[in-house]
Amino acid sequence: MPESTPKPTPDSKQEASEEDEIARYLEANPDFFSRYPNALEALELPHESGKAISLIERQVSVLRDRNLEMRQRLNGLLESARANDQLFEKTKRLVLTLLEAQDLDGVVEALYNSLDNDYGVEFYSLTFLGKSTEYPVAKAKVVGVDEANQSISTLLRSNRAICGVLRPEELQFLFGNASGQIGSVAAVPLNHGHTFGILAIGNTNPQHYRSSMGTLFLSYIAEVLNRICPRLMTPHTMK
């Protein structure tokens, strides 16, 4: 049979009670050791190596560790703030350039230049849905609605940005010959009364665009395109 834990003796109970009382007193009187420095100097705490250190040395060590942790947190916050500032500047520059575009080719060129040079996106594509005669654009792919539904119907029905690993036929539709190099994708349909296109970005790393990843930036760019592209399309396209 397993040995049972011995019950505390009356002396051990009294000793534990006295220690608790001392601990409560010290917590209620944090200036105790400043008033009785001799008591502080007499205290020793065992070191991890077995060597004894004074309480003040132990406190300094704890404070040093906490200070290092706080500095690391502060550095992390500063890095996030700098990254957000840079993202804001890039996004502002992209939106202003899109607003200045005179035609769909100008929109596509501004978008691709920004994704490539500002954001460093590895793979990107903007695909319009409809007939080529309806879209006055040479720098983006134009695909029939039926063909798009056969290949990426799930993406088109989502009505929101999604991230993750796509099927081979979806990758082929969005990225063509580069599809074999892509591990993960973030994509968002473009909609103005009806779905008229899809914007997708890809990365070789399967973990880069995860299902839990935030899609705020991509969704925002899509909202801008939803308002800019329709006014540059032929009237027949938007009927």
C-alpha atoms as a PDB file:
ATOM      1  CA  MET A   1       0.000   0.000   0.000  1.00  0.00           C
ATOM      2  CA  PRO A   2       1.263   3.537  -0.710  1.00  0.00           C
ATOM      3  CA  GLU A   3       2.619   5.393   2.251  1.00  0.00           C
ATOM      4  CA  SER A   4       0.300   8.068   3.586  1.00  0.00           C
ATOM      5  CA  THR A   5       1.516  11.626   4.108  1.00  0.00           C
ATOM      6  CA  PRO A   6       2.240  12.157   7.795  1.00  0.00           C
ATOM      7  CA  LYS A   7      -0.125  14.541   9.501  1.00  0.00           C
ATOM      8  CA  PRO A   8       1.460  17.762  10.751  1.00  0.00           C
ATOM      9  CA  THR A   9       2.323  17.712  14.425  1.00  0.00           C
ATOM     10  CA  PRO A  10       1.008  20.421  16.763  1.00  0.00           C
ATOM     11  CA  ASP A  11       4.478  22.039  16.772  1.00  0.00           C
ATOM     12  CA  SER A  12       4.599  22.171  12.949  1.00  0.00           C
ATOM     13  CA  LYS A  13       1.091  23.677  12.830  1.00  0.00           C
ATOM     14  CA  GLN A  14       2.132  26.363  15.301  1.00  0.00           C
ATOM     15  CA  GLU A  15       5.314  27.076  13.344  1.00  0.00           C
ATOM     16  CA  ALA A  16       3.369  27.409  10.056  1.00  0.00           C
ATOM     17  CA  SER A  17       0.878  29.729  11.747  1.00  0.00           C
ATOM     18  CA  GLU A  18       3.671  31.919  13.080  1.00  0.00           C
ATOM     19  CA  GLU A  19       5.317  32.078   9.641  1.00  0.00           C
ATOM     20  CA  ASP A  20       2.019  33.104   8.054  1.00  0.00           C
ATOM     21  CA  GLU A  21       1.622  35.802  10.673  1.00  0.00           C
ATOM     22  CA  ILE A  22       5.153  37.074  10.003  1.00  0.00           C
ATOM     23  CA  ALA A  23       4.510  37.095   6.250  1.00  0.00           C
ATOM     24  CA  ARG A  24       1.304  39.093   6.689  1.00  0.00           C
ATOM     25  CA  TYR A  25       3.068  41.573   8.965  1.00  0.00           C
ATOM     26  CA  LEU A  26       5.887  42.133   6.437  1.00  0.00           C
ATOM     27  CA  GLU A  27       3.365  42.612   3.637  1.00  0.00           C
ATOM     28  CA  ALA A  28       1.532  45.198   5.754  1.00  0.00           C
ATOM     29  CA  ASN A  29       4.789  46.932   6.711  1.00  0.00           C
ATOM     30  CA  PRO A  30       7.003  47.070   3.608  1.00  0.00           C
ATOM     31  CA  ASP A  31       9.270  49.628   5.293  1.00  0.00           C
ATOM     32  CA  PHE A  32      10.156  47.235   8.107  1.00  0.00           C
ATOM     33  CA  PHE A  33      13.652  46.451   6.824  1.00  0.00           C
ATOM     34  CA  SER A  34      14.405  50.137   6.225  1.00  0.00           C
ATOM     35  CA  ARG A  35      13.695  50.726   9.917  1.00  0.00           C
ATOM     36  CA  TYR A  36      15.646  47.646  10.973  1.00  0.00           C
ATOM     37  CA  PRO A  37      18.551  47.359   8.518  1.00  0.00           C
ATOM     38  CA  ASN A  38      20.438  44.968  10.814  1.00  0.00           C
ATOM     39  CA  ALA A  39      17.648  42.430  10.406  1.00  0.00           C
ATOM     40  CA  LEU A  40      17.874  42.757   6.613  1.00  0.00           C
ATOM     41  CA  GLU A  41      21.632  42.193   6.625  1.00  0.00           C
ATOM     42  CA  ALA A  42      21.216  39.067   8.706  1.00  0.00           C
ATOM     43  CA  LEU A  43      18.768  37.462   6.276  1.00  0.00           C
ATOM     44  CA  GLU A  44      20.034  34.972   3.716  1.00  0.00           C
ATOM     45  CA  LEU A  45      18.287  33.113   0.911  1.00  0.00           C
ATOM     46  CA  PRO A  46      19.592  29.910  -0.663  1.00  0.00           C
ATOM     47  CA  HIS A  47      20.922  30.404  -4.184  1.00  0.00           C
ATOM     48  CA  GLU A  48      20.097  27.957  -6.976  1.00  0.00           C
ATOM     49  CA  SER A  49      23.705  26.843  -6.940  1.00  0.00           C
ATOM     50  CA  GLY A  50      23.503  26.195  -3.203  1.00  0.00           C
ATOM     51  CA  LYS A  51      25.407  29.311  -2.277  1.00  0.00           C
ATOM     52  CA  ALA A  52      23.626  31.718   0.057  1.00  0.00           C
ATOM     53  CA  ILE A  53      22.799  35.275  -1.030  1.00  0.00           C
ATOM     54  CA  SER A  54      21.344  38.143   0.919  1.00  0.00           C
ATOM     55  CA  LEU A  55      17.715  39.212   0.596  1.00  0.00           C
ATOM     56  CA  ILE A  56      18.712  42.506  -0.963  1.00  0.00           C
ATOM     57  CA  GLU A  57      20.719  40.679  -3.633  1.00  0.00           C
ATOM     58  CA  ARG A  58      17.726  38.491  -4.313  1.00  0.00           C
ATOM     59  CA  GLN A  59      15.474  41.536  -4.630  1.00  0.00           C
ATOM     60  CA  VAL A  60      17.919  43.197  -7.022  1.00  0.00           C
ATOM     61  CA  SER A  61      17.968  40.048  -9.140  1.00  0.00           C
ATOM     62  CA  VAL A  62      14.169  39.892  -9.270  1.00  0.00           C
ATOM     63  CA  LEU A  63      13.903  43.585 -10.130  1.00  0.00           C
ATOM     64  CA  ARG A  64      16.535  43.183 -12.843  1.00  0.00           C
ATOM     65  CA  ASP A  65      14.565  40.335 -14.418  1.00  0.00           C
ATOM     66  CA  ARG A  66      11.343  42.338 -14.252  1.00  0.00           C
ATOM     67  CA  ASN A  67      13.059  45.360 -15.757  1.00  0.00           C
ATOM     68  CA  LEU A  68      14.361  43.241 -18.629  1.00  0.00           C
ATOM     69  CA  GLU A  69      10.878  41.815 -19.231  1.00  0.00           C
ATOM     70  CA  MET A  70       9.314  45.299 -19.227  1.00  0.00           C
ATOM     71  CA  ARG A  71      11.935  46.594 -21.654  1.00  0.00           C
ATOM     72  CA  GLN A  72      11.248  43.674 -23.980  1.00  0.00           C
ATOM     73  CA  ARG A  73       7.517  44.412 -23.846  1.00  0.00           C
ATOM     74  CA  LEU A  74       8.127  48.099 -24.494  1.00  0.00           C
ATOM     75  CA  ASN A  75      10.398  47.299 -27.436  1.00  0.00           C
ATOM     76  CA  GLY A  76       7.687  45.034 -28.811  1.00  0.00           C
ATOM     77  CA  LEU A  77       5.104  47.826 -28.537  1.00  0.00           C
ATOM     78  CA  LEU A  78       7.452  50.284 -30.229  1.00  0.00           C
ATOM     79  CA  GLU A  79       8.139  47.841 -33.061  1.00  0.00           C
ATOM     80  CA  SER A  80       4.396  47.321 -33.551  1.00  0.00           C
ATOM     81  CA  ALA A  81       3.822  51.085 -33.576  1.00  0.00           C
ATOM     82  CA  ARG A  82       6.563  51.588 -36.183  1.00  0.00           C
ATOM     83  CA  ALA A  83       5.164  48.745 -38.314  1.00  0.00           C
ATOM     84  CA  ASN A  84       1.674  50.237 -38.121  1.00  0.00           C
ATOM     85  CA  ASP A  85       2.999  53.665 -39.110  1.00  0.00           C
ATOM     86  CA  GLN A  86       4.772  52.162 -42.117  1.00  0.00           C
ATOM     87  CA  LEU A  87       1.667  50.195 -43.085  1.00  0.00           C
ATOM     88  CA  PHE A  88      -0.445  53.350 -42.867  1.00  0.00           C
ATOM     89  CA  GLU A  89       1.958  55.288 -45.109  1.00  0.00           C
ATOM     90  CA  LYS A  90       2.056  52.492 -47.692  1.00  0.00           C
ATOM     91  CA  THR A  91      -1.717  52.155 -47.677  1.00  0.00           C
ATOM     92  CA  LYS A  92      -2.246  55.910 -47.964  1.00  0.00           C
ATOM     93  CA  ARG A  93       0.171  56.078 -50.902  1.00  0.00           C
ATOM     94  CA  LEU A  94      -1.619  53.197 -52.626  1.00  0.00           C
ATOM     95  CA  VAL A  95      -5.098  54.653 -52.133  1.00  0.00           C
ATOM     96  CA  LEU A  96      -4.056  58.072 -53.450  1.00  0.00           C
ATOM     97  CA  THR A  97      -2.475  56.477 -56.520  1.00  0.00           C
ATOM     98  CA  LEU A  98      -5.603  54.398 -57.143  1.00  0.00           C
ATOM     99  CA  LEU A  99      -7.773  57.508 -56.915  1.00  0.00           C
ATOM    100  CA  GLU A 100      -5.608  59.211 -59.543  1.00  0.00           C
ATOM    101  CA  ALA A 101      -5.906  56.320 -62.026  1.00  0.00           C
ATOM    102  CA  GLN A 102      -7.656  57.277 -65.257  1.00  0.00           C
ATOM    103  CA  ASP A 103      -8.547  53.743 -66.403  1.00  0.00           C
ATOM    104  CA  LEU A 104      -8.554  50.128 -65.242  1.00  0.00           C
ATOM    105  CA  ASP A 105      -5.032  49.550 -66.515  1.00  0.00           C
ATOM    106  CA  GLY A 106      -3.896  52.429 -64.312  1.00  0.00           C
ATOM    107  CA  VAL A 107      -5.648  50.833 -61.327  1.00  0.00           C
ATOM    108  CA  VAL A 108      -4.022  47.464 -61.962  1.00  0.00           C
ATOM    109  CA  GLU A 109      -0.587  48.994 -62.497  1.00  0.00           C
ATOM    110  CA  ALA A 110      -0.823  51.043 -59.267  1.00  0.00           C
ATOM    111  CA  LEU A 111      -2.011  48.019 -57.306  1.00  0.00           C
ATOM    112  CA  TYR A 112       0.660  45.675 -58.654  1.00  0.00           C
ATOM    113  CA  ASN A 113       3.465  48.208 -58.156  1.00  0.00           C
ATOM    114  CA  SER A 114       2.424  48.749 -54.543  1.00  0.00           C
ATOM    115  CA  LEU A 115       2.080  45.044 -53.728  1.00  0.00           C
ATOM    116  CA  ASP A 116       5.457  44.350 -55.325  1.00  0.00           C
ATOM    117  CA  ASN A 117       7.593  47.315 -54.248  1.00  0.00           C
ATOM    118  CA  ASP A 118       5.935  48.593 -51.051  1.00  0.00           C
ATOM    119  CA  TYR A 119       4.534  45.448 -49.486  1.00  0.00           C
ATOM    120  CA  GLY A 120       6.950  42.892 -50.896  1.00  0.00           C
ATOM    121  CA  VAL A 121       4.171  40.425 -51.765  1.00  0.00           C
ATOM    122  CA  GLU A 122       5.572  37.363 -53.534  1.00  0.00           C
ATOM    123  CA  PHE A 123       2.580  36.571 -55.761  1.00  0.00           C
ATOM    124  CA  TYR A 124      -0.515  38.605 -56.593  1.00  0.00           C
ATOM    125  CA  SER A 125      -3.338  38.620 -59.095  1.00  0.00           C
ATOM    126  CA  LEU A 126      -6.402  40.694 -59.893  1.00  0.00           C
ATOM    127  CA  THR A 127      -9.011  38.857 -61.950  1.00  0.00           C
ATOM    128  CA  PHE A 128     -12.131  40.431 -63.433  1.00  0.00           C
ATOM    129  CA  LEU A 129     -15.214  38.316 -64.127  1.00  0.00           C
ATOM    130  CA  GLY A 130     -17.068  38.778 -67.394  1.00  0.00           C
ATOM    131  CA  LYS A 131     -16.323  39.158 -71.110  1.00  0.00           C
ATOM    132  CA  SER A 132     -13.064  40.677 -72.282  1.00  0.00           C
ATOM    133  CA  THR A 133     -15.027  43.190 -74.377  1.00  0.00           C
ATOM    134  CA  GLU A 134     -16.683  44.471 -71.206  1.00  0.00           C
ATOM    135  CA  TYR A 135     -13.427  45.242 -69.414  1.00  0.00           C
ATOM    136  CA  PRO A 136     -11.121  47.857 -70.982  1.00  0.00           C
ATOM    137  CA  VAL A 137      -8.047  46.369 -69.351  1.00  0.00           C
ATOM    138  CA  ALA A 138      -4.876  44.748 -70.668  1.00  0.00           C
ATOM    139  CA  LYS A 139      -2.873  44.268 -67.468  1.00  0.00           C
ATOM    140  CA  ALA A 140      -5.242  41.953 -65.588  1.00  0.00           C
ATOM    141  CA  LYS A 141      -6.908  38.653 -66.423  1.00  0.00           C
ATOM    142  CA  VAL A 142     -10.556  38.670 -67.542  1.00  0.00           C
ATOM    143  CA  VAL A 143     -12.395  35.359 -67.119  1.00  0.00           C
ATOM    144  CA  GLY A 144     -15.978  34.332 -67.827  1.00  0.00           C
ATOM    145  CA  VAL A 145     -18.299  33.994 -64.839  1.00  0.00           C
ATOM    146  CA  ASP A 146     -19.099  30.341 -65.610  1.00  0.00           C
ATOM    147  CA  GLU A 147     -15.412  29.436 -65.782  1.00  0.00           C
ATOM    148  CA  ALA A 148     -14.760  31.231 -62.505  1.00  0.00           C
ATOM    149  CA  ASN A 149     -17.603  29.412 -60.771  1.00  0.00           C
ATOM    150  CA  GLN A 150     -16.228  26.074 -61.926  1.00  0.00           C
ATOM    151  CA  SER A 151     -12.798  26.785 -60.413  1.00  0.00           C
ATOM    152  CA  ILE A 152     -13.264  29.118 -57.433  1.00  0.00           C
ATOM    153  CA  SER A 153     -16.962  29.018 -56.572  1.00  0.00           C
ATOM    154  CA  THR A 154     -16.195  28.621 -52.858  1.00  0.00           C
ATOM    155  CA  LEU A 155     -14.043  31.755 -52.838  1.00  0.00           C
ATOM    156  CA  LEU A 156     -16.639  33.777 -54.726  1.00  0.00           C
ATOM    157  CA  ARG A 157     -19.447  32.756 -52.383  1.00  0.00           C
ATOM    158  CA  SER A 158     -17.549  33.768 -49.262  1.00  0.00           C
ATOM    159  CA  ASN A 159     -18.114  37.534 -49.762  1.00  0.00           C
ATOM    160  CA  ARG A 160     -15.185  38.146 -47.415  1.00  0.00           C
ATOM    161  CA  ALA A 161     -11.426  37.778 -47.295  1.00  0.00           C
ATOM    162  CA  ILE A 162     -10.160  34.274 -46.554  1.00  0.00           C
ATOM    163  CA  CYS A 163      -6.711  32.852 -45.812  1.00  0.00           C
ATOM    164  CA  GLY A 164      -5.219  29.400 -46.033  1.00  0.00           C
ATOM    165  CA  VAL A 165      -4.148  26.619 -48.378  1.00  0.00           C
ATOM    166  CA  LEU A 166      -6.169  26.343 -51.602  1.00  0.00           C
ATOM    167  CA  ARG A 167      -6.856  23.451 -53.933  1.00  0.00           C
ATOM    168  CA  PRO A 168      -4.592  23.054 -57.012  1.00  0.00           C
ATOM    169  CA  GLU A 169      -7.374  24.096 -59.415  1.00  0.00           C
ATOM    170  CA  GLU A 170      -7.997  27.254 -57.382  1.00  0.00           C
ATOM    171  CA  LEU A 171      -4.296  28.121 -57.401  1.00  0.00           C
ATOM    172  CA  GLN A 172      -4.093  27.494 -61.141  1.00  0.00           C
ATOM    173  CA  PHE A 173      -7.064  29.770 -61.780  1.00  0.00           C
ATOM    174  CA  LEU A 174      -5.682  32.613 -59.656  1.00  0.00           C
ATOM    175  CA  PHE A 175      -1.946  32.426 -60.356  1.00  0.00           C
ATOM    176  CA  GLY A 176      -1.494  30.451 -63.561  1.00  0.00           C
ATOM    177  CA  ASN A 177       2.025  29.113 -64.129  1.00  0.00           C
ATOM    178  CA  ALA A 178       3.182  30.272 -60.691  1.00  0.00           C
ATOM    179  CA  SER A 179       0.587  28.116 -58.898  1.00  0.00           C
ATOM    180  CA  GLY A 180       3.057  25.311 -58.163  1.00  0.00           C
ATOM    181  CA  GLN A 181       5.229  27.652 -56.081  1.00  0.00           C
ATOM    182  CA  ILE A 182       2.471  28.906 -53.784  1.00  0.00           C
ATOM    183  CA  GLY A 183       1.930  27.446 -50.324  1.00  0.00           C
ATOM    184  CA  SER A 184      -0.759  29.731 -48.889  1.00  0.00           C
ATOM    185  CA  VAL A 185      -3.110  32.427 -50.143  1.00  0.00           C
ATOM    186  CA  ALA A 186      -5.196  35.364 -48.956  1.00  0.00           C
ATOM    187  CA  ALA A 187      -8.044  36.260 -51.326  1.00  0.00           C
ATOM    188  CA  VAL A 188     -11.058  38.565 -51.317  1.00  0.00           C
ATOM    189  CA  PRO A 189     -13.922  38.899 -53.847  1.00  0.00           C
ATOM    190  CA  LEU A 190     -14.670  42.312 -55.329  1.00  0.00           C
ATOM    191  CA  ASN A 191     -18.319  43.283 -55.227  1.00  0.00           C
ATOM    192  CA  HIS A 192     -20.422  46.235 -56.363  1.00  0.00           C
ATOM    193  CA  GLY A 193     -23.989  45.034 -56.520  1.00  0.00           C
ATOM    194  CA  HIS A 194     -22.603  41.770 -57.860  1.00  0.00           C
ATOM    195  CA  THR A 195     -19.227  40.047 -57.751  1.00  0.00           C
ATOM    196  CA  PHE A 196     -17.060  41.435 -60.556  1.00  0.00           C
ATOM    197  CA  GLY A 197     -13.596  40.200 -59.614  1.00  0.00           C
ATOM    198  CA  ILE A 198     -11.231  38.698 -57.060  1.00  0.00           C
ATOM    199  CA  LEU A 199      -7.954  39.940 -55.586  1.00  0.00           C
ATOM    200  CA  ALA A 200      -5.470  37.328 -54.354  1.00  0.00           C
ATOM    201  CA  ILE A 201      -1.986  37.363 -52.846  1.00  0.00           C
ATOM    202  CA  GLY A 202       0.197  34.311 -52.269  1.00  0.00           C
ATOM    203  CA  ASN A 203       3.311  33.140 -50.457  1.00  0.00           C
ATOM    204  CA  THR A 204       5.558  30.109 -50.813  1.00  0.00           C
ATOM    205  CA  ASN A 205       5.227  29.366 -47.089  1.00  0.00           C
ATOM    206  CA  PRO A 206       2.098  27.266 -46.343  1.00  0.00           C
ATOM    207  CA  GLN A 207       1.916  28.893 -42.892  1.00  0.00           C
ATOM    208  CA  HIS A 208       2.266  32.507 -44.038  1.00  0.00           C
ATOM    209  CA  TYR A 209      -1.413  33.132 -44.705  1.00  0.00           C
ATOM    210  CA  ARG A 210      -3.275  31.155 -42.042  1.00  0.00           C
ATOM    211  CA  SER A 211      -7.014  30.844 -41.521  1.00  0.00           C
ATOM    212  CA  SER A 212      -6.662  32.725 -38.207  1.00  0.00           C
ATOM    213  CA  MET A 213      -4.673  35.555 -39.754  1.00  0.00           C
ATOM    214  CA  GLY A 214      -6.207  39.008 -39.792  1.00  0.00           C
ATOM    215  CA  THR A 215      -7.359  40.209 -43.215  1.00  0.00           C
ATOM    216  CA  LEU A 216      -8.057  43.845 -42.374  1.00  0.00           C
ATOM    217  CA  PHE A 217      -5.578  45.276 -44.900  1.00  0.00           C
ATOM    218  CA  LEU A 218      -6.733  43.105 -47.800  1.00  0.00           C
ATOM    219  CA  SER A 219     -10.391  43.786 -47.020  1.00  0.00           C
ATOM    220  CA  TYR A 220      -9.701  47.528 -46.913  1.00  0.00           C
ATOM    221  CA  ILE A 221      -7.976  47.521 -50.305  1.00  0.00           C
ATOM    222  CA  ALA A 222     -10.882  45.508 -51.701  1.00  0.00           C
ATOM    223  CA  GLU A 223     -13.339  48.124 -50.417  1.00  0.00           C
ATOM    224  CA  VAL A 224     -11.352  50.825 -52.197  1.00  0.00           C
ATOM    225  CA  LEU A 225     -11.338  48.817 -55.443  1.00  0.00           C
ATOM    226  CA  ASN A 226     -15.081  48.203 -55.066  1.00  0.00           C
ATOM    227  CA  ARG A 227     -15.625  51.951 -55.321  1.00  0.00           C
ATOM    228  CA  ILE A 228     -12.994  52.837 -57.928  1.00  0.00           C
ATOM    229  CA  CYS A 229     -13.260  50.058 -60.504  1.00  0.00           C
ATOM    230  CA  PRO A 230     -17.007  50.337 -61.328  1.00  0.00           C
ATOM    231  CA  ARG A 231     -16.714  53.936 -62.527  1.00  0.00           C
ATOM    232  CA  LEU A 232     -13.946  52.873 -64.946  1.00  0.00           C
ATOM    233  CA  MET A 233     -15.847  49.916 -66.423  1.00  0.00           C
ATOM    234  CA  THR A 234     -17.977  50.097 -69.533  1.00  0.00           C
ATOM    235  CA  PRO A 235     -21.665  50.897 -68.850  1.00  0.00           C
ATOM    236  CA  HIS A 236     -22.706  47.447 -70.130  1.00  0.00           C
ATOM    237  CA  THR A 237     -20.531  45.736 -67.516  1.00  0.00           C
ATOM    238  CA  MET A 238     -22.354  47.256 -64.555  1.00  0.00           C
ATOM    239  CA  LYS A 239     -25.908  46.562 -65.793  1.00  0.00           C
END
